[in-house]
Amino acid sequence: MNNKIRHLIAAAALALPFAMPVFANEGGPALDKANIDIQDTESLQRGAQIFANYCLSCHSASMMRYNRLEDIGLSEEQIKADLMPEGAKIGDPMNIAMNKQDAKAWFGATPPDLSLIARSRGADYLYSYLRGFYRDPSRPTGWNNLVFDKVGMPHIFWEWQGEQELKTVKNAEGHEEHKLELVKAGTLTKLENGKANTAEFDRRMRDLTNFLVYIGEPAAVKRQQIGYVVVMFLGLLLFPLVYLLKKEYWRDVH
């Protein structure tokens, strides 16, 4: 009996990490696949540019330092010229100058630090969130979001994406209600096109998501690169040994 209990506990522990994402998204809108690749340094560089120009005004990434951007192929001169605010040093963390009290007064809540947002929420969540803004006159900023209902953040990329609206449907009583869970069914419709077409806007949001995943664990890029080399080395080293061992074991088998 004790062995059976231990086996059940072990099976539950192994299944829990796979079940958690399902529970976390149960009842919410379906998330689109981000399909990120942190080995794509060009995507990471574009994402870093977007983050520095649009996100870093309100959101810090205090666990990420500017000089770590050299790991994605940017030179120190490029980082200083294109990504760093005036007065910052190359070894400084990516902090903002905005006062927390002012931020809370303006947005209703202090904008969160984004260092670990991808590890907390997941790439698909961030990608869907960035593309899920729509016009909502009832909100203080005039915007709402399919993934994060009653969000306090305005749609900073609206000039790229354009304006969207959320369709409503009649319920059994004849009242209009939002169907947030039907994202895949096309509940968002374009009111006005932006400067970027849909494919280009999606690519930019994927680049930004890719960068947010990267800053959650900058060492992952090098770790994966080293991992490939180690696997190849072990394969080249072990294959001859395993082959010779196999020949030795089967030498007397006819």
Protein backbone atom coordinates (compact mmCIF):
# COMPACT_ATOMS: atom_id res chain seq x y z
CA MET A 1 0.00 0.00 0.00
CA ASN A 2 2.80 2.41 0.90
CA ASN A 3 4.49 1.74 -2.43
CA LYS A 4 1.24 2.49 -4.28
CA ILE A 5 0.86 5.80 -2.43
CA ARG A 6 4.42 6.77 -3.22
CA HIS A 7 3.88 5.92 -6.89
CA LEU A 8 0.70 8.03 -7.00
CA ILE A 9 2.47 11.00 -5.39
CA ALA A 10 5.36 10.72 -7.83
CA ALA A 11 2.99 10.54 -10.80
CA ALA A 12 1.07 13.60 -9.58
CA ALA A 13 4.30 15.55 -9.09
CA LEU A 14 5.38 14.74 -12.65
CA ALA A 15 2.01 15.66 -14.11
CA LEU A 16 1.57 18.95 -12.21
CA PRO A 17 3.91 21.13 -14.34
CA PHE A 18 2.09 20.03 -17.49
CA ALA A 19 -1.35 20.57 -15.99
CA MET A 20 -0.69 24.04 -14.57
CA PRO A 21 -0.81 25.95 -17.90
CA VAL A 22 -4.17 24.35 -18.66
CA PHE A 23 -5.60 25.41 -15.31
CA ALA A 24 -4.13 28.89 -15.62
CA ASN A 25 -5.86 29.52 -18.93
CA GLU A 26 -9.14 27.74 -18.13
CA GLY A 27 -12.08 30.05 -18.74
CA GLY A 28 -9.95 32.74 -20.39
CA PRO A 29 -9.39 33.60 -24.02
CA ALA A 30 -7.42 31.24 -26.21
CA LEU A 31 -3.79 32.29 -26.58
CA ASP A 32 -1.97 32.55 -29.89
CA LYS A 33 1.34 30.77 -30.33
CA ALA A 34 4.29 33.14 -30.14
CA ASN A 35 6.72 30.73 -31.85
CA ILE A 36 9.73 32.57 -30.45
CA ASP A 37 13.38 31.64 -30.97
CA ILE A 38 15.95 33.10 -28.60
CA GLN A 39 18.70 31.91 -30.95
CA ASP A 40 17.44 34.43 -33.53
CA THR A 41 19.74 37.34 -32.66
CA GLU A 42 18.25 39.63 -35.33
CA SER A 43 14.81 39.20 -33.76
CA LEU A 44 16.28 39.86 -30.30
CA GLN A 45 17.97 43.02 -31.55
CA ARG A 46 14.73 44.31 -33.07
CA GLY A 47 12.90 43.42 -29.86
CA ALA A 48 15.50 45.29 -27.79
CA GLN A 49 15.00 48.36 -29.96
CA ILE A 50 11.22 48.24 -29.47
CA PHE A 51 11.58 47.68 -25.75
CA ALA A 52 13.99 50.59 -25.29
CA ASN A 53 11.94 53.00 -27.40
CA TYR A 54 8.43 52.12 -26.24
CA CYS A 55 8.44 50.08 -23.01
CA LEU A 56 11.36 51.44 -21.02
CA SER A 57 9.63 54.76 -20.48
CA CYS A 58 7.28 53.15 -17.93
CA HIS A 59 8.53 49.59 -17.37
CA SER A 60 11.94 48.78 -15.97
CA ALA A 61 13.89 45.56 -16.39
CA SER A 62 16.04 45.95 -13.31
CA MET A 63 17.54 42.45 -13.46
CA MET A 64 18.95 43.11 -16.93
CA ARG A 65 22.03 45.25 -17.55
CA TYR A 66 22.72 47.10 -20.78
CA ASN A 67 26.07 45.39 -21.30
CA ARG A 68 24.33 41.99 -21.46
CA LEU A 69 22.92 43.10 -24.80
CA GLU A 70 26.36 42.46 -26.24
CA ASP A 71 25.45 38.76 -25.96
CA ILE A 72 22.86 39.22 -28.73
CA GLY A 73 25.38 40.74 -31.15
CA LEU A 74 25.13 44.45 -30.32
CA SER A 75 28.31 46.44 -29.85
CA GLU A 76 28.81 48.78 -26.92
CA GLU A 77 28.61 51.73 -29.32
CA GLN A 78 25.28 50.53 -30.72
CA ILE A 79 23.86 50.03 -27.23
CA LYS A 80 24.92 53.52 -26.13
CA ALA A 81 23.66 55.19 -29.30
CA ASP A 82 20.33 53.40 -29.76
CA LEU A 83 19.18 51.85 -26.50
CA MET A 84 20.52 53.73 -23.49
CA PRO A 85 18.99 56.90 -22.04
CA GLU A 86 21.23 59.91 -21.61
CA GLY A 87 23.34 59.71 -18.47
CA ALA A 88 23.16 55.92 -18.11
CA LYS A 89 26.27 53.76 -17.98
CA ILE A 90 26.84 50.56 -19.93
CA GLY A 91 26.86 48.48 -16.75
CA ASP A 92 23.67 49.97 -15.33
CA PRO A 93 20.47 47.94 -14.99
CA MET A 94 17.61 48.85 -17.30
CA ASN A 95 15.73 51.08 -14.87
CA ILE A 96 13.34 53.96 -15.52
CA ALA A 97 13.46 57.50 -14.23
CA MET A 98 9.71 57.65 -13.58
CA ASN A 99 8.71 58.10 -9.95
CA LYS A 100 6.65 55.18 -8.63
CA GLN A 101 4.14 57.48 -6.92
CA ASP A 102 3.62 59.43 -10.15
CA ALA A 103 3.21 56.21 -12.12
CA LYS A 104 0.57 54.95 -9.70
CA ALA A 105 -1.31 58.25 -9.89
CA TRP A 106 -1.25 58.28 -13.70
CA PHE A 107 -2.05 54.63 -14.38
CA GLY A 108 -3.85 53.53 -11.22
CA ALA A 109 -1.04 51.07 -10.43
CA THR A 110 2.73 51.09 -10.68
CA PRO A 111 3.81 49.56 -14.03
CA PRO A 112 5.49 46.24 -13.20
CA ASP A 113 9.13 45.42 -13.73
CA LEU A 114 9.37 43.23 -16.83
CA SER A 115 12.55 41.31 -16.01
CA LEU A 116 10.71 38.06 -15.29
CA ILE A 117 7.34 38.73 -16.89
CA ALA A 118 7.88 36.09 -19.58
CA ARG A 119 8.80 33.45 -17.01
CA SER A 120 5.77 34.42 -14.96
CA ARG A 121 3.17 34.70 -17.73
CA GLY A 122 4.63 32.78 -20.65
CA ALA A 123 5.50 33.83 -24.19
CA ASP A 124 2.06 32.99 -25.65
CA TYR A 125 0.35 35.15 -23.04
CA LEU A 126 2.58 38.15 -23.76
CA TYR A 127 2.24 37.78 -27.52
CA SER A 128 -1.56 37.56 -27.30
CA TYR A 129 -1.70 40.44 -24.84
CA LEU A 130 0.36 42.76 -27.05
CA ARG A 131 -1.98 42.09 -29.98
CA GLY A 132 -5.23 42.10 -27.98
CA PHE A 133 -5.95 45.79 -27.36
CA TYR A 134 -9.27 47.25 -28.47
CA ARG A 135 -11.15 50.53 -28.08
CA ASP A 136 -13.24 50.77 -24.90
CA PRO A 137 -14.70 54.21 -24.03
CA SER A 138 -15.56 53.00 -20.51
CA ARG A 139 -11.88 52.70 -19.57
CA PRO A 140 -9.84 55.72 -18.37
CA THR A 141 -7.26 55.25 -21.12
CA GLY A 142 -9.86 54.46 -23.78
CA TRP A 143 -8.39 50.97 -24.24
CA ASN A 144 -9.05 47.47 -22.96
CA ASN A 145 -7.47 44.10 -23.66
CA LEU A 146 -8.81 40.66 -24.49
CA VAL A 147 -6.23 38.84 -22.40
CA PHE A 148 -6.15 41.27 -19.46
CA ASP A 149 -9.63 42.65 -18.94
CA LYS A 150 -9.80 46.20 -17.50
CA VAL A 151 -6.09 46.70 -18.07
CA GLY A 152 -4.68 50.04 -16.94
CA MET A 153 -2.05 50.23 -19.67
CA PRO A 154 -2.86 52.26 -22.81
CA HIS A 155 -2.22 50.78 -26.24
CA ILE A 156 1.21 52.23 -26.98
CA PHE A 157 1.43 50.45 -30.34
CA TRP A 158 -1.91 51.63 -31.72
CA GLU A 159 -0.30 53.68 -34.47
CA TRP A 160 1.28 50.48 -35.78
CA GLN A 161 -1.69 48.20 -35.32
CA GLY A 162 -4.56 50.59 -35.83
CA GLU A 163 -7.78 50.54 -33.82
CA GLN A 164 -9.85 47.46 -33.07
CA GLU A 165 -13.24 46.99 -31.48
CA LEU A 166 -14.74 44.10 -29.57
CA LYS A 167 -17.86 42.55 -31.04
CA THR A 168 -20.82 41.96 -28.78
CA VAL A 169 -23.56 39.35 -28.99
CA LYS A 170 -27.04 39.08 -27.57
CA ASN A 171 -27.54 36.73 -24.64
CA ALA A 172 -30.74 34.81 -23.89
CA GLU A 173 -32.29 37.89 -22.25
CA GLY A 174 -31.49 40.06 -25.24
CA HIS A 175 -28.75 42.02 -23.50
CA GLU A 176 -25.41 42.65 -25.14
CA GLU A 177 -22.44 40.89 -23.63
CA HIS A 178 -18.76 40.61 -24.51
CA LYS A 179 -17.48 37.22 -25.56
CA LEU A 180 -13.87 37.47 -24.47
CA GLU A 181 -13.36 33.74 -24.74
CA LEU A 182 -13.95 33.78 -28.51
CA VAL A 183 -10.68 35.39 -29.56
CA LYS A 184 -10.09 32.73 -32.19
CA ALA A 185 -13.55 33.30 -33.63
CA GLY A 186 -12.57 36.82 -34.67
CA THR A 187 -14.32 38.94 -32.05
CA LEU A 188 -11.89 41.80 -32.72
CA THR A 189 -12.56 43.77 -35.86
CA LYS A 190 -10.49 46.56 -37.35
CA LEU A 191 -11.91 50.06 -37.09
CA GLU A 192 -8.88 51.71 -38.61
CA ASN A 193 -5.69 50.35 -40.13
CA GLY A 194 -2.33 51.27 -38.65
CA LYS A 195 0.99 52.12 -40.24
CA ALA A 196 2.00 48.45 -40.25
CA ASN A 197 0.00 45.71 -41.91
CA THR A 198 -1.14 42.77 -39.79
CA ALA A 199 1.77 40.50 -40.66
CA GLU A 200 4.35 43.22 -39.95
CA PHE A 201 2.71 44.16 -36.65
CA ASP A 202 2.59 40.52 -35.56
CA ARG A 203 6.29 40.16 -36.40
CA ARG A 204 7.17 43.20 -34.30
CA MET A 205 5.19 41.89 -31.34
CA ARG A 206 6.87 38.51 -31.75
CA ASP A 207 10.27 40.24 -31.69
CA LEU A 208 9.33 42.10 -28.52
CA THR A 209 8.05 38.90 -26.92
CA ASN A 210 11.26 37.15 -27.93
CA PHE A 211 13.29 39.86 -26.20
CA LEU A 212 11.17 39.68 -23.04
CA VAL A 213 11.77 35.94 -22.93
CA TYR A 214 15.49 36.55 -23.40
CA ILE A 215 15.83 39.03 -20.52
CA GLY A 216 14.09 36.56 -18.22
CA GLU A 217 17.16 34.34 -18.56
CA PRO A 218 19.96 35.89 -20.66
CA ALA A 219 22.25 32.94 -20.00
CA ALA A 220 19.84 30.62 -21.81
CA VAL A 221 21.20 31.64 -25.22
CA LYS A 222 24.78 30.69 -24.41
CA ARG A 223 23.66 27.67 -22.42
CA GLN A 224 21.79 26.29 -25.42
CA GLN A 225 24.71 27.01 -27.72
CA ILE A 226 27.08 25.23 -25.35
CA GLY A 227 24.58 22.38 -25.03
CA TYR A 228 24.60 21.76 -28.77
CA VAL A 229 28.39 21.65 -28.81
CA VAL A 230 28.50 19.28 -25.82
CA VAL A 231 25.95 16.93 -27.40
CA MET A 232 27.86 16.88 -30.69
CA PHE A 233 31.16 16.31 -28.87
CA LEU A 234 29.75 13.47 -26.79
CA GLY A 235 28.16 11.95 -29.88
CA LEU A 236 31.44 12.00 -31.81
CA LEU A 237 33.36 10.71 -28.80
CA LEU A 238 30.98 8.01 -27.65
CA PHE A 239 29.88 6.63 -31.02
CA PRO A 240 33.25 4.92 -31.82
CA LEU A 241 33.47 3.57 -28.25
CA VAL A 242 29.93 2.20 -28.33
CA TYR A 243 30.53 0.70 -31.77
CA LEU A 244 33.71 -1.05 -30.63
CA LEU A 245 31.97 -2.25 -27.47
CA LYS A 246 29.14 -3.66 -29.55
CA LYS A 247 31.60 -5.52 -31.77
CA GLU A 248 33.34 -6.95 -28.71
CA TYR A 249 30.09 -8.23 -27.18
CA TRP A 250 28.85 -9.75 -30.44
CA ARG A 251 32.19 -11.13 -31.57
CA ASP A 252 31.42 -14.70 -30.51
CA VAL A 253 27.77 -14.62 -31.53
CA HIS A 254 27.18 -16.41 -34.85
